[in-house]
C-alpha atoms as a PDB file:
ATOM      1  CA  MET A   1      -0.218   0.013  -0.103  1.00  0.00           C
ATOM      2  CA  ASN A   2       1.121   3.430  -0.911  1.00  0.00           C
ATOM      3  CA  GLN A   3       1.536   5.954   1.797  1.00  0.00           C
ATOM      4  CA  PHE A   4      -1.288   8.385   2.527  1.00  0.00           C
ATOM      5  CA  CYS A   5      -2.193  11.263   5.244  1.00  0.00           C
ATOM      6  CA  LEU A   6      -5.687  11.972   5.650  1.00  0.00           C
ATOM      7  CA  LEU A   7      -6.360  15.268   7.817  1.00  0.00           C
ATOM      8  CA  GLN A   8      -9.681  16.497   9.338  1.00  0.00           C
ATOM      9  CA  GLY A   9     -10.706  19.471   7.741  1.00  0.00           C
ATOM     10  CA  THR A  10      -8.547  18.997   4.713  1.00  0.00           C
ATOM     11  CA  THR A  11      -9.707  15.708   3.097  1.00  0.00           C
ATOM     12  CA  PRO A  12     -12.966  14.714   2.152  1.00  0.00           C
ATOM     13  CA  GLU A  13     -12.432  11.109   3.676  1.00  0.00           C
ATOM     14  CA  LEU A  14     -13.218  12.319   6.992  1.00  0.00           C
ATOM     15  CA  GLU A  15     -15.606  14.627   6.764  1.00  0.00           C
ATOM     16  CA  GLN A  16     -18.270  12.362   8.368  1.00  0.00           C
ATOM     17  CA  PHE A  17     -15.745  11.354  11.005  1.00  0.00           C
ATOM     18  CA  PRO A  18     -15.149  14.428  13.450  1.00  0.00           C
ATOM     19  CA  HIS A  19     -13.654  12.064  15.848  1.00  0.00           C
ATOM     20  CA  ILE A  20     -10.795  11.189  13.663  1.00  0.00           C
ATOM     21  CA  ASN A  21      -8.089  14.018  13.610  1.00  0.00           C
ATOM     22  CA  GLU A  22      -5.618  12.185  11.149  1.00  0.00           C
ATOM     23  CA  PHE A  23      -5.164   8.787   9.991  1.00  0.00           C
ATOM     24  CA  ALA A  24      -2.198   7.988   7.923  1.00  0.00           C
ATOM     25  CA  LEU A  25       0.468   5.250   6.613  1.00  0.00           C
ATOM     26  CA  THR A  26       4.049   6.958   6.854  1.00  0.00           C
ATOM     27  CA  LYS A  27       6.785   5.352   5.023  1.00  0.00           C
ATOM     28  CA  ASN A  28      10.178   6.960   6.190  1.00  0.00           C
ATOM     29  CA  THR A  29      13.326   6.280   4.061  1.00  0.00           C
ATOM     30  CA  THR A  30      15.572   8.624   5.597  1.00  0.00           C
ATOM     31  CA  ILE A  31      16.768  10.204   8.760  1.00  0.00           C
ATOM     32  CA  GLN A  32      15.818  13.976   9.058  1.00  0.00           C
ATOM     33  CA  LEU A  33      17.096  15.786  12.146  1.00  0.00           C
ATOM     34  CA  ASP A  34      14.193  17.226  14.623  1.00  0.00           C
ATOM     35  CA  SER A  35      11.812  15.371  12.562  1.00  0.00           C
ATOM     36  CA  PHE A  36      10.265  13.796  15.648  1.00  0.00           C
ATOM     37  CA  ILE A  37      10.821  16.180  18.699  1.00  0.00           C
ATOM     38  CA  PRO A  38       9.019  15.057  21.905  1.00  0.00           C
ATOM     39  CA  CYS A  39       5.777  17.120  22.437  1.00  0.00           C
ATOM     40  CA  SER A  40       2.492  16.592  24.175  1.00  0.00           C
ATOM     41  CA  SER A  41      -0.171  15.003  22.429  1.00  0.00           C
ATOM     42  CA  GLN A  42      -3.656  16.447  22.010  1.00  0.00           C
ATOM     43  CA  TYR A  43      -5.459  13.303  21.009  1.00  0.00           C
ATOM     44  CA  LEU A  44      -5.756   9.617  21.550  1.00  0.00           C
ATOM     45  CA  GLN A  45      -2.646   8.279  19.330  1.00  0.00           C
ATOM     46  CA  ILE A  46      -2.455   4.545  18.084  1.00  0.00           C
ATOM     47  CA  CYS A  47       0.771   4.151  16.175  1.00  0.00           C
ATOM     48  CA  CYS A  48       1.224   0.470  14.552  1.00  0.00           C
ATOM     49  CA  VAL A  49       4.537  -0.510  13.036  1.00  0.00           C
ATOM     50  CA  ILE A  50       4.825  -2.409   9.959  1.00  0.00           C
ATOM     51  CA  ASP A  51       8.245  -2.431   9.308  1.00  0.00           C
ATOM     52  CA  GLY A  52      11.555  -0.987  10.972  1.00  0.00           C
ATOM     53  CA  LYS A  53      12.780  -0.419  14.299  1.00  0.00           C
ATOM     54  CA  PHE A  54      11.440   2.606  16.274  1.00  0.00           C
ATOM     55  CA  GLU A  55      13.238   3.892  19.377  1.00  0.00           C
ATOM     56  CA  TRP A  56      10.566   6.498  21.055  1.00  0.00           C
ATOM     57  CA  VAL A  57      10.109   8.266  24.398  1.00  0.00           C
ATOM     58  CA  ILE A  58       6.397   7.862  25.440  1.00  0.00           C
ATOM     59  CA  ASP A  59       5.645   9.596  28.597  1.00  0.00           C
ATOM     60  CA  HIS A  60       9.043  10.271  29.757  1.00  0.00           C
ATOM     61  CA  ARG A  61       9.837   6.282  29.334  1.00  0.00           C
ATOM     62  CA  GLU A  62      11.940   4.972  26.364  1.00  0.00           C
ATOM     63  CA  TYR A  63      10.555   2.231  24.220  1.00  0.00           C
ATOM     64  CA  VAL A  64      11.852   0.129  21.108  1.00  0.00           C
ATOM     65  CA  LEU A  65       9.124  -0.795  18.778  1.00  0.00           C
ATOM     66  CA  PHE A  66       9.438  -3.686  16.260  1.00  0.00           C
ATOM     67  CA  PRO A  67       6.883  -4.816  13.617  1.00  0.00           C
ATOM     68  CA  GLY A  68       3.629  -5.752  14.871  1.00  0.00           C
ATOM     69  CA  ASP A  69       4.078  -3.411  17.976  1.00  0.00           C
ATOM     70  CA  ILE A  70       1.605  -0.731  18.804  1.00  0.00           C
ATOM     71  CA  ALA A  71       2.206   2.540  20.618  1.00  0.00           C
ATOM     72  CA  PHE A  72      -0.901   3.687  22.841  1.00  0.00           C
ATOM     73  CA  VAL A  73      -0.839   7.296  23.859  1.00  0.00           C
ATOM     74  CA  LEU A  74      -3.374   9.188  25.736  1.00  0.00           C
ATOM     75  CA  PRO A  75      -4.055  12.868  25.357  1.00  0.00           C
ATOM     76  CA  GLY A  76      -1.602  15.203  27.630  1.00  0.00           C
ATOM     77  CA  GLN A  77       1.412  12.399  27.207  1.00  0.00           C
ATOM     78  CA  GLU A  78       4.483  13.024  25.446  1.00  0.00           C
ATOM     79  CA  ILE A  79       5.708  11.109  22.538  1.00  0.00           C
ATOM     80  CA  GLY A  80       8.768  11.516  20.118  1.00  0.00           C
ATOM     81  CA  GLY A  81      11.904  10.005  18.896  1.00  0.00           C
ATOM     82  CA  SER A  82      14.686   9.168  21.505  1.00  0.00           C
ATOM     83  CA  LYS A  83      17.033  10.961  19.248  1.00  0.00           C
ATOM     84  CA  ARG A  84      14.332  13.669  18.137  1.00  0.00           C
ATOM     85  CA  PHE A  85      13.967  12.040  14.789  1.00  0.00           C
ATOM     86  CA  LEU A  86      11.621   9.651  13.336  1.00  0.00           C
ATOM     87  CA  ASP A  87      13.686   6.289  12.388  1.00  0.00           C
ATOM     88  CA  ILE A  88      13.504   4.472   9.021  1.00  0.00           C
ATOM     89  CA  GLY A  89      10.525   2.505   8.702  1.00  0.00           C
ATOM     90  CA  THR A  90       6.843   2.279   8.000  1.00  0.00           C
ATOM     91  CA  LEU A  91       3.864   2.593  10.361  1.00  0.00           C
ATOM     92  CA  PHE A  92      -0.048   3.368  10.616  1.00  0.00           C
ATOM     93  CA  LYS A  93      -0.836   6.563  12.588  1.00  0.00           C
ATOM     94  CA  LEU A  94      -4.663   6.921  13.743  1.00  0.00           C
ATOM     95  CA  HIS A  95      -5.165  10.021  15.877  1.00  0.00           C
ATOM     96  CA  ILE A  96      -8.712  10.210  17.642  1.00  0.00           C
ATOM     97  CA  GLU A  97     -10.422  13.012  19.522  1.00  0.00           C
ATOM     98  CA  LEU A  98     -11.410  12.132  22.987  1.00  0.00           C
ATOM     99  CA  LEU A  99     -14.258  13.880  24.852  1.00  0.00           C
ATOM    100  CA  VAL A 100     -14.371  14.807  28.513  1.00  0.00           C
ATOM    101  CA  SER A 101     -15.329  11.959  30.368  1.00  0.00           C
ATOM    102  CA  ASN A 102     -17.682  11.700  33.587  1.00  0.00           C
ATOM    103  CA  THR A 103     -19.812   9.181  35.531  1.00  0.00           C
ATOM    104  CA  TYR A 104     -22.504   9.177  32.794  1.00  0.00           C
ATOM    105  CA  ASN A 105     -20.748   9.122  29.532  1.00  0.00           C
ATOM    106  CA  SER A 106     -17.448   7.850  27.990  1.00  0.00           C
ATOM    107  CA  ALA A 107     -14.551   9.818  26.350  1.00  0.00           C
ATOM    108  CA  LEU A 108     -15.192   7.940  23.053  1.00  0.00           C
ATOM    109  CA  GLY A 109     -18.612   9.566  22.240  1.00  0.00           C
ATOM    110  CA  LYS A 110     -21.754   8.778  20.477  1.00  0.00           C
ATOM    111  CA  TRP A 111     -19.682   7.614  17.389  1.00  0.00           C
ATOM    112  CA  SER A 112     -18.753   4.058  19.034  1.00  0.00           C
ATOM    113  CA  THR A 113     -21.003   1.336  18.441  1.00  0.00           C
ATOM    114  CA  LEU A 114     -20.178  -0.246  21.695  1.00  0.00           C
ATOM    115  CA  SER A 115     -22.431  -0.009  24.594  1.00  0.00           C
ATOM    116  CA  LEU A 116     -21.833   2.531  27.274  1.00  0.00           C
ATOM    117  CA  GLY A 117     -20.856  -0.045  29.674  1.00  0.00           C
ATOM    118  CA  GLU A 118     -18.510  -1.706  27.137  1.00  0.00           C
ATOM    119  CA  ARG A 119     -16.737   1.823  26.448  1.00  0.00           C
ATOM    120  CA  VAL A 120     -16.365   2.968  30.039  1.00  0.00           C
ATOM    121  CA  ALA A 121     -14.766  -0.688  30.751  1.00  0.00           C
ATOM    122  CA  ILE A 122     -12.322  -0.340  27.828  1.00  0.00           C
ATOM    123  CA  GLU A 123     -11.270   3.063  28.806  1.00  0.00           C
ATOM    124  CA  LYS A 124     -10.815   1.850  32.470  1.00  0.00           C
ATOM    125  CA  GLN A 125      -8.752  -0.803  31.392  1.00  0.00           C
ATOM    126  CA  LEU A 126      -6.076   1.054  29.153  1.00  0.00           C
ATOM    127  CA  LEU A 127      -5.849   3.767  31.445  1.00  0.00           C
ATOM    128  CA  SER A 128      -5.364   1.631  34.882  1.00  0.00           C
ATOM    129  CA  ASN A 129      -2.771  -0.455  32.769  1.00  0.00           C
ATOM    130  CA  ASN A 130      -0.686   2.501  31.907  1.00  0.00           C
ATOM    131  CA  MET A 131       1.225   0.737  28.963  1.00  0.00           C
ATOM    132  CA  ALA A 132       2.164   2.965  26.105  1.00  0.00           C
ATOM    133  CA  VAL A 133       3.537   0.111  24.058  1.00  0.00           C
ATOM    134  CA  LEU A 134       1.707  -3.251  23.480  1.00  0.00           C
ATOM    135  CA  PHE A 135       3.634  -6.064  21.700  1.00  0.00           C
ATOM    136  CA  GLN A 136       2.767  -8.019  18.449  1.00  0.00           C
ATOM    137  CA  VAL A 137      -1.050  -6.939  18.157  1.00  0.00           C
ATOM    138  CA  LYS A 138      -0.183  -8.037  14.362  1.00  0.00           C
ATOM    139  CA  GLU A 139      -4.088  -8.535  13.553  1.00  0.00           C
ATOM    140  CA  ALA A 140      -4.359  -4.432  13.909  1.00  0.00           C
ATOM    141  CA  THR A 141      -2.560  -4.060  11.032  1.00  0.00           C
ATOM    142  CA  ASP A 142      -5.789  -5.732   8.829  1.00  0.00           C
ATOM    143  CA  VAL A 143      -7.952  -3.574  10.685  1.00  0.00           C
ATOM    144  CA  LEU A 144      -6.051  -0.281   9.984  1.00  0.00           C
ATOM    145  CA  HIS A 145      -6.069  -1.528   6.128  1.00  0.00           C
ATOM    146  CA  GLN A 146      -9.659  -2.293   6.571  1.00  0.00           C
ATOM    147  CA  ILE A 147     -10.144   1.235   7.820  1.00  0.00           C
ATOM    148  CA  HIS A 148      -8.185   2.804   4.925  1.00  0.00           C
ATOM    149  CA  ILE A 149     -10.536   0.937   2.395  1.00  0.00           C
ATOM    150  CA  GLU A 150     -13.750   1.895   3.890  1.00  0.00           C
ATOM    151  CA  LEU A 151     -12.794   5.538   4.228  1.00  0.00           C
ATOM    152  CA  THR A 152     -11.409   5.885   0.678  1.00  0.00           C
ATOM    153  CA  ASN A 153     -14.148   3.831  -1.067  1.00  0.00           C
ATOM    154  CA  PHE A 154     -17.196   5.599  -0.104  1.00  0.00           C
ATOM    155  CA  GLU A 155     -19.483   2.718  -0.145  1.00  0.00           C
ATOM    156  CA  LEU A 156     -22.708   2.253   1.368  1.00  0.00           C
ATOM    157  CA  GLY A 157     -22.538   1.729   4.986  1.00  0.00           C
ATOM    158  CA  ARG A 158     -19.059   3.202   5.496  1.00  0.00           C
ATOM    159  CA  ILE A 159     -19.705   5.337   8.560  1.00  0.00           C
ATOM    160  CA  THR A 160     -20.858   2.088  10.594  1.00  0.00           C
ATOM    161  CA  ARG A 161     -18.174   0.036   9.264  1.00  0.00           C
ATOM    162  CA  VAL A 162     -15.402   2.525   9.886  1.00  0.00           C
ATOM    163  CA  ASN A 163     -16.454   3.066  13.610  1.00  0.00           C
ATOM    164  CA  HIS A 164     -16.931  -0.566  14.199  1.00  0.00           C
ATOM    165  CA  LEU A 165     -13.496  -1.098  12.919  1.00  0.00           C
ATOM    166  CA  ILE A 166     -12.044   1.494  15.254  1.00  0.00           C
ATOM    167  CA  ASP A 167     -14.078  -0.151  18.055  1.00  0.00           C
ATOM    168  CA  SER A 168     -12.596  -3.683  17.232  1.00  0.00           C
ATOM    169  CA  LEU A 169      -9.062  -1.824  17.145  1.00  0.00           C
ATOM    170  CA  LEU A 170      -9.838  -0.763  20.614  1.00  0.00           C
ATOM    171  CA  ILE A 171     -10.908  -3.727  21.814  1.00  0.00           C
ATOM    172  CA  MET A 172      -7.754  -5.601  20.584  1.00  0.00           C
ATOM    173  CA  ILE A 173      -5.657  -3.300  22.532  1.00  0.00           C
ATOM    174  CA  ALA A 174      -7.455  -3.529  25.714  1.00  0.00           C
ATOM    175  CA  ARG A 175      -7.450  -7.221  25.693  1.00  0.00           C
ATOM    176  CA  GLN A 176      -3.606  -7.431  24.689  1.00  0.00           C
ATOM    177  CA  SER A 177      -2.933  -4.765  27.622  1.00  0.00           C
ATOM    178  CA  THR A 178      -4.502  -7.244  29.936  1.00  0.00           C
ATOM    179  CA  ARG A 179      -2.492 -10.121  28.547  1.00  0.00           C
ATOM    180  CA  GLN A 180       0.718  -8.075  28.501  1.00  0.00           C
ATOM    181  CA  ALA A 181       0.244  -7.355  32.322  1.00  0.00           C
ATOM    182  CA  ASP A 182       1.381 -10.677  33.147  1.00  0.00           C
ATOM    183  CA  SER A 183       3.581 -11.676  30.397  1.00  0.00           C
ATOM    184  CA  ARG A 184       6.815 -10.687  28.653  1.00  0.00           C
ATOM    185  CA  ARG A 185       8.356 -11.134  25.222  1.00  0.00           C
ATOM    186  CA  ASP A 186      11.440 -13.532  25.138  1.00  0.00           C
ATOM    187  CA  PHE A 187      12.815 -13.398  21.514  1.00  0.00           C
ATOM    188  CA  PRO A 188      13.067  -9.550  21.623  1.00  0.00           C
ATOM    189  CA  ARG A 189      15.050  -9.696  24.785  1.00  0.00           C
ATOM    190  CA  THR A 190      17.555 -12.047  23.132  1.00  0.00           C
ATOM    191  CA  PHE A 191      17.594 -10.078  19.931  1.00  0.00           C
ATOM    192  CA  MET A 192      18.595  -6.926  22.002  1.00  0.00           C
ATOM    193  CA  LYS A 193      21.598  -8.985  23.147  1.00  0.00           C
ATOM    194  CA  LEU A 194      22.604  -9.211  19.550  1.00  0.00           C
ATOM    195  CA  GLU A 195      22.569  -5.471  19.127  1.00  0.00           C
ATOM    196  CA  GLN A 196      24.612  -4.974  22.037  1.00  0.00           C
ATOM    197  CA  ALA A 197      27.323  -7.323  20.749  1.00  0.00           C
ATOM    198  CA  LEU A 198      27.237  -5.532  17.424  1.00  0.00           C
ATOM    199  CA  ARG A 199      27.541  -2.360  18.884  1.00  0.00           C
ATOM    200  CA  HIS A 200      30.242  -3.579  21.156  1.00  0.00           C
ATOM    201  CA  ASP A 201      32.403  -4.758  18.260  1.00  0.00           C
ATOM    202  CA  LEU A 202      31.115  -2.372  15.512  1.00  0.00           C
ATOM    203  CA  SER A 203      34.498  -1.891  13.685  1.00  0.00           C
ATOM    204  CA  ARG A 204      34.380  -5.850  12.868  1.00  0.00           C
ATOM    205  CA  GLN A 205      33.194  -7.015   9.459  1.00  0.00           C
ATOM    206  CA  TRP A 206      30.292  -9.173  10.697  1.00  0.00           C
ATOM    207  CA  THR A 207      28.887 -11.780   8.544  1.00  0.00           C
ATOM    208  CA  VAL A 208      25.288 -13.153   8.428  1.00  0.00           C
ATOM    209  CA  GLU A 209      26.480 -16.283   9.778  1.00  0.00           C
ATOM    210  CA  GLU A 210      28.418 -14.956  12.481  1.00  0.00           C
ATOM    211  CA  MET A 211      25.662 -12.789  13.774  1.00  0.00           C
ATOM    212  CA  ALA A 212      23.599 -16.134  13.149  1.00  0.00           C
ATOM    213  CA  THR A 213      25.826 -18.070  15.620  1.00  0.00           C
ATOM    214  CA  LEU A 214      25.076 -15.778  18.551  1.00  0.00           C
ATOM    215  CA  PHE A 215      21.541 -17.259  18.507  1.00  0.00           C
ATOM    216  CA  GLY A 216      22.526 -20.782  17.674  1.00  0.00           C
ATOM    217  CA  LEU A 217      20.879 -20.475  14.325  1.00  0.00           C
ATOM    218  CA  GLY A 218      21.580 -21.241  10.931  1.00  0.00           C
ATOM    219  CA  SER A 219      21.803 -18.205   8.709  1.00  0.00           C
ATOM    220  CA  THR A 220      18.471 -18.937   6.750  1.00  0.00           C
ATOM    221  CA  ALA A 221      16.194 -18.857  10.148  1.00  0.00           C
ATOM    222  CA  PHE A 222      18.310 -15.930  11.639  1.00  0.00           C
ATOM    223  CA  THR A 223      17.790 -13.784   8.626  1.00  0.00           C
ATOM    224  CA  GLU A 224      14.054 -14.795   8.710  1.00  0.00           C
ATOM    225  CA  LYS A 225      13.759 -13.815  12.317  1.00  0.00           C
ATOM    226  CA  VAL A 226      15.608 -10.698  11.805  1.00  0.00           C
ATOM    227  CA  LYS A 227      13.252  -9.603   9.252  1.00  0.00           C
ATOM    228  CA  HIS A 228      10.169 -10.480  11.047  1.00  0.00           C
ATOM    229  CA  TYR A 229      11.294  -8.351  14.108  1.00  0.00           C
ATOM    230  CA  THR A 230      12.870  -5.276  12.370  1.00  0.00           C
ATOM    231  CA  GLY A 231      11.828  -5.111   8.630  1.00  0.00           C
ATOM    232  CA  PHE A 232      15.468  -5.409   7.411  1.00  0.00           C
ATOM    233  CA  SER A 233      17.910  -7.841   6.607  1.00  0.00           C
ATOM    234  CA  PRO A 234      20.451  -8.798   8.757  1.00  0.00           C
ATOM    235  CA  LEU A 235      23.147  -6.599   7.048  1.00  0.00           C
ATOM    236  CA  ASN A 236      20.836  -3.428   6.296  1.00  0.00           C
ATOM    237  CA  TYR A 237      20.190  -3.726  10.006  1.00  0.00           C
ATOM    238  CA  LEU A 238      23.892  -3.982  10.723  1.00  0.00           C
ATOM    239  CA  ILE A 239      23.904  -0.535   8.669  1.00  0.00           C
ATOM    240  CA  ASN A 240      21.224   0.917  10.500  1.00  0.00           C
ATOM    241  CA  ILE A 241      23.264   0.534  13.697  1.00  0.00           C
ATOM    242  CA  ARG A 242      26.398   1.858  12.217  1.00  0.00           C
ATOM    243  CA  ILE A 243      24.709   4.767  11.216  1.00  0.00           C
ATOM    244  CA  SER A 244      23.152   5.348  14.830  1.00  0.00           C
ATOM    245  CA  GLU A 245      26.795   4.763  16.497  1.00  0.00           C
ATOM    246  CA  ALA A 246      28.085   7.258  13.876  1.00  0.00           C
ATOM    247  CA  ILE A 247      25.492   9.925  14.501  1.00  0.00           C
ATOM    248  CA  LYS A 248      26.735   9.662  18.113  1.00  0.00           C
ATOM    249  CA  LEU A 249      30.431  10.286  17.425  1.00  0.00           C
ATOM    250  CA  LEU A 250      29.495  13.113  14.878  1.00  0.00           C
ATOM    251  CA  LYS A 251      28.282  15.283  17.880  1.00  0.00           C
ATOM    252  CA  GLN A 252      31.760  15.106  19.122  1.00  0.00           C
ATOM    253  CA  PRO A 253      33.634  17.921  17.367  1.00  0.00           C
ATOM    254  CA  ASP A 254      36.865  16.561  17.847  1.00  0.00           C
ATOM    255  CA  VAL A 255      36.269  13.344  16.437  1.00  0.00           C
ATOM    256  CA  ASN A 256      37.417  13.233  12.554  1.00  0.00           C
ATOM    257  CA  PHE A 257      35.218  11.817   9.799  1.00  0.00           C
ATOM    258  CA  THR A 258      37.978   8.953   8.973  1.00  0.00           C
ATOM    259  CA  ASN A 259      37.868   7.989  12.599  1.00  0.00           C
ATOM    260  CA  VAL A 260      33.982   7.718  12.434  1.00  0.00           C
ATOM    261  CA  ALA A 261      34.021   5.669   9.640  1.00  0.00           C
ATOM    262  CA  LEU A 262      36.515   3.225  10.852  1.00  0.00           C
ATOM    263  CA  ASN A 263      35.007   2.922  14.315  1.00  0.00           C
ATOM    264  CA  THR A 264      31.571   2.197  12.817  1.00  0.00           C
ATOM    265  CA  GLY A 265      32.811  -0.523  10.544  1.00  0.00           C
ATOM    266  CA  PHE A 266      32.639   1.549   7.233  1.00  0.00           C
ATOM    267  CA  TYR A 267      35.431   0.417   4.603  1.00  0.00           C
ATOM    268  CA  SER A 268      36.454   4.161   3.720  1.00  0.00           C
ATOM    269  CA  SER A 269      35.534   7.816   4.328  1.00  0.00           C
ATOM    270  CA  GLN A 270      33.725   7.736   0.903  1.00  0.00           C
ATOM    271  CA  HIS A 271      31.774   4.781   1.769  1.00  0.00           C
ATOM    272  CA  PHE A 272      30.892   6.414   4.900  1.00  0.00           C
ATOM    273  CA  SER A 273      29.868   9.576   3.631  1.00  0.00           C
ATOM    274  CA  THR A 274      27.744   8.023   0.670  1.00  0.00           C
ATOM    275  CA  THR A 275      25.883   5.543   3.064  1.00  0.00           C
ATOM    276  CA  PHE A 276      25.438   8.301   5.656  1.00  0.00           C
ATOM    277  CA  LYS A 277      23.917  10.640   3.023  1.00  0.00           C
ATOM    278  CA  LYS A 278      21.766   7.940   1.588  1.00  0.00           C
ATOM    279  CA  LEU A 279      19.984   7.202   4.960  1.00  0.00           C
ATOM    280  CA  THR A 280      19.904  10.552   6.438  1.00  0.00           C
ATOM    281  CA  GLY A 281      19.519  13.055   3.855  1.00  0.00           C
ATOM    282  CA  TYR A 282      22.956  14.801   4.835  1.00  0.00           C
ATOM    283  CA  THR A 283      26.746  14.455   4.442  1.00  0.00           C
ATOM    284  CA  PRO A 284      28.508  13.784   7.598  1.00  0.00           C
ATOM    285  CA  GLY A 285      29.681  17.665   7.356  1.00  0.00           C
ATOM    286  CA  GLU A 286      25.988  18.882   6.899  1.00  0.00           C
ATOM    287  CA  PHE A 287      24.944  16.824   9.746  1.00  0.00           C
ATOM    288  CA  ARG A 288      27.702  17.916  12.326  1.00  0.00           C
ATOM    289  CA  LYS A 289      27.083  21.600  11.151  1.00  0.00           C
ATOM    290  CA  ARG A 290      23.305  21.281  11.932  1.00  0.00           C
ATOM    291  CA  ASN A 291      24.065  19.623  15.258  1.00  0.00           C
ATOM    292  CA  LEU A 292      26.483  22.186  16.203  1.00  0.00           C
ATOM    293  CA  LEU A 293      24.080  24.962  15.376  1.00  0.00           C
ATOM    294  CA  TYR A 294      21.213  23.496  17.194  1.00  0.00           C
ATOM    295  CA  GLU A 295      23.453  23.115  20.408  1.00  0.00           C
ATOM    296  CA  SER A 296      24.651  26.813  20.033  1.00  0.00           C
ATOM    297  CA  ASN A 297      20.965  27.806  20.174  1.00  0.00           C
END
């Protein structure tokens, strides 16, 4: 599916849905400085990762999101990139405006097809668990795809269908938050050990086979798991880590570009410069100048 962005007041698809402020599929292919500065949310935000790895700060806590994960941000909570930019990857975004809730109504409003009791129960569940990230809610992707189809096709019954799908999404999130309260993911924890090993010896010219041995897996099975959890091949995932570390080093004005390149595992300064510009949109020199300008302000 191609990326899109539907905004309340500017796109006809949302004219009959005043409770939907924004619905978008974002495909980010380059790193842009200050593209995701932490700020307070005005809406209920549901962000579902399709591919990539996103490092976010939500309500002053750091999270790492992989494909199938959902960020659930309440109005008033802060959300942004842990490095102040949006990472490379693809995600769905759905922003819903909530009403001021009281004993006799719910924050979802009359658009919801759920009973009042169900609405209040779901809201209470989501608020009480205080979980900003829900892991592996992969069926949510299909629901979001269906919402997009219904919004853009303008077929009979689309209002009821879209609102029902949003209710279904909220039910999924509430149920997953209940399950997640008593369970944890195991593989991603092991996967983080791989990332720690790569960062510890980043100048090494890692092969897929060498990375796979850290898991006790063959290269084929390892490659499938990495693609499943990050959306990238192992080598492309490694390149993203190299760039992430290079960004940290470039913020140190006394470290020259050649040392940055060699310390992060690139063959040469030219190879580093070409790859860095491809993924961030800036040359290493341009990035350093922008960062120094930002810090001076």
